[in-house]
Amino acid sequence: MAIGIGAADPSIENKTQRLAMSRSAAIVQAQYEMLTIIKGVTLTGGITVAQAMEADSLLASKIDAELKGAEIVKTEWTKDDGCMITLKLPKKRLKAMGLKMIK
């Protein structure tokens, strides 16, 4: 799970646009946080996912696609139209890509 926080430009007068902008920013931030976590995972063979991604561009593309498909499990709004998103990516989806992780 990863959490992202996004804020909208307060000069935008339309509340719907501010909410959409802050939600999008929060999703991108949560995806970045999740990618950081995934890259640090050690695979069997002693290399990290980050090292594997450097050597295999197809793997990098698959991970990117999985991140974009991560499930939004919680959305919270702040009083100033900011947004906090919690994303979830089940480990089984990473394993389905062929990643063999050390427990």
Protein backbone atom coordinates (compact mmCIF):
# COMPACT_ATOMS: atom_id res chain seq x y z
CA MET A 1 0.00 0.00 0.00
CA ALA A 2 1.10 3.53 -0.69
CA ILE A 3 -0.36 6.95 0.11
CA GLY A 4 -0.21 10.02 -2.08
CA ILE A 5 -1.23 13.57 -1.24
CA GLY A 6 -2.20 16.07 -3.90
CA ALA A 7 -3.16 19.71 -3.91
CA ALA A 8 -4.84 21.88 -6.50
CA ASP A 9 -3.94 25.36 -7.60
CA PRO A 10 -6.03 27.59 -5.27
CA SER A 11 -6.39 30.19 -8.01
CA ILE A 12 -8.67 27.84 -9.97
CA GLU A 13 -12.18 29.04 -9.27
CA ASN A 14 -14.07 25.90 -10.28
CA LYS A 15 -14.31 23.50 -7.31
CA THR A 16 -14.76 20.44 -9.56
CA GLN A 17 -11.54 21.25 -11.42
CA ARG A 18 -9.66 21.75 -8.13
CA LEU A 19 -10.90 18.38 -6.84
CA ALA A 20 -10.00 16.59 -10.08
CA MET A 21 -6.54 18.17 -10.12
CA SER A 22 -5.76 17.30 -6.51
CA ARG A 23 -7.03 13.71 -7.00
CA SER A 24 -4.85 13.23 -10.08
CA ALA A 25 -1.82 14.64 -8.25
CA ALA A 26 -2.45 12.32 -5.29
CA ILE A 27 -2.68 9.26 -7.55
CA VAL A 28 0.61 10.11 -9.27
CA GLN A 29 2.30 10.65 -5.91
CA ALA A 30 0.99 7.33 -4.56
CA GLN A 31 2.18 5.52 -7.70
CA TYR A 32 5.64 7.07 -7.25
CA GLU A 33 5.73 5.98 -3.61
CA MET A 34 4.66 2.47 -4.57
CA LEU A 35 7.31 2.28 -7.31
CA THR A 36 9.97 3.29 -4.78
CA ILE A 37 8.88 0.43 -2.52
CA ILE A 38 8.77 -2.10 -5.37
CA LYS A 39 12.21 -1.11 -6.67
CA GLY A 40 13.72 -1.93 -3.28
CA VAL A 41 12.36 -5.50 -3.18
CA THR A 42 15.08 -8.14 -3.35
CA LEU A 43 14.53 -10.94 -5.82
CA THR A 44 15.88 -14.46 -5.69
CA GLY A 45 19.42 -14.25 -6.97
CA GLY A 46 20.14 -11.27 -4.72
CA ILE A 47 19.28 -8.44 -7.10
CA THR A 48 16.68 -5.76 -6.52
CA VAL A 49 13.70 -5.05 -8.75
CA ALA A 50 15.40 -1.75 -9.69
CA GLN A 51 18.43 -3.65 -11.00
CA ALA A 52 16.19 -6.09 -12.88
CA MET A 53 14.28 -3.18 -14.44
CA GLU A 54 17.53 -1.63 -15.68
CA ALA A 55 18.40 -4.86 -17.48
CA ASP A 56 14.91 -5.66 -18.79
CA SER A 57 12.85 -2.88 -20.39
CA LEU A 58 9.89 -5.25 -20.82
CA LEU A 59 9.83 -5.81 -17.06
CA ALA A 60 9.93 -2.05 -16.50
CA SER A 61 6.93 -1.64 -18.83
CA LYS A 62 5.00 -4.40 -17.05
CA ILE A 63 5.64 -2.84 -13.64
CA ASP A 64 4.58 0.56 -14.95
CA ALA A 65 1.34 -0.94 -16.27
CA GLU A 66 0.67 -2.70 -12.96
CA LEU A 67 1.20 0.55 -11.04
CA LYS A 68 -1.29 2.34 -13.25
CA GLY A 69 -3.77 -0.43 -12.53
CA ALA A 70 -3.27 -0.35 -8.76
CA GLU A 71 -6.51 -0.34 -6.79
CA ILE A 72 -7.61 2.86 -5.05
CA VAL A 73 -8.74 1.66 -1.64
CA LYS A 74 -9.31 5.01 0.04
CA THR A 75 -9.90 8.60 -1.04
CA GLU A 76 -10.01 11.43 1.48
CA TRP A 77 -10.60 15.12 0.85
CA THR A 78 -9.23 18.01 2.88
CA LYS A 79 -11.04 21.25 3.64
CA ASP A 80 -8.90 23.11 1.10
CA ASP A 81 -9.88 20.67 -1.72
CA GLY A 82 -6.71 18.61 -1.38
CA CYS A 83 -6.82 14.86 -1.75
CA MET A 84 -5.18 11.85 -0.10
CA ILE A 85 -5.26 8.56 -2.01
CA THR A 86 -4.33 5.10 -0.72
CA LEU A 87 -3.32 2.61 -3.40
CA LYS A 88 -3.04 -1.16 -3.08
CA LEU A 89 -1.13 -3.54 -5.36
CA PRO A 90 -1.42 -7.18 -4.31
CA LYS A 91 1.87 -9.07 -4.20
CA LYS A 92 0.31 -11.83 -6.31
CA ARG A 93 0.13 -9.41 -9.27
CA LEU A 94 3.88 -8.86 -9.06
CA LYS A 95 4.45 -12.60 -8.79
CA ALA A 96 2.24 -13.10 -11.85
CA MET A 97 4.76 -11.03 -13.82
CA GLY A 98 7.41 -13.61 -13.00
CA LEU A 99 9.09 -11.76 -10.13
CA LYS A 100 10.43 -14.28 -7.63
CA MET A 101 10.81 -12.40 -4.37
CA ILE A 102 12.69 -13.38 -1.26
CA LYS A 103 10.26 -13.62 1.65
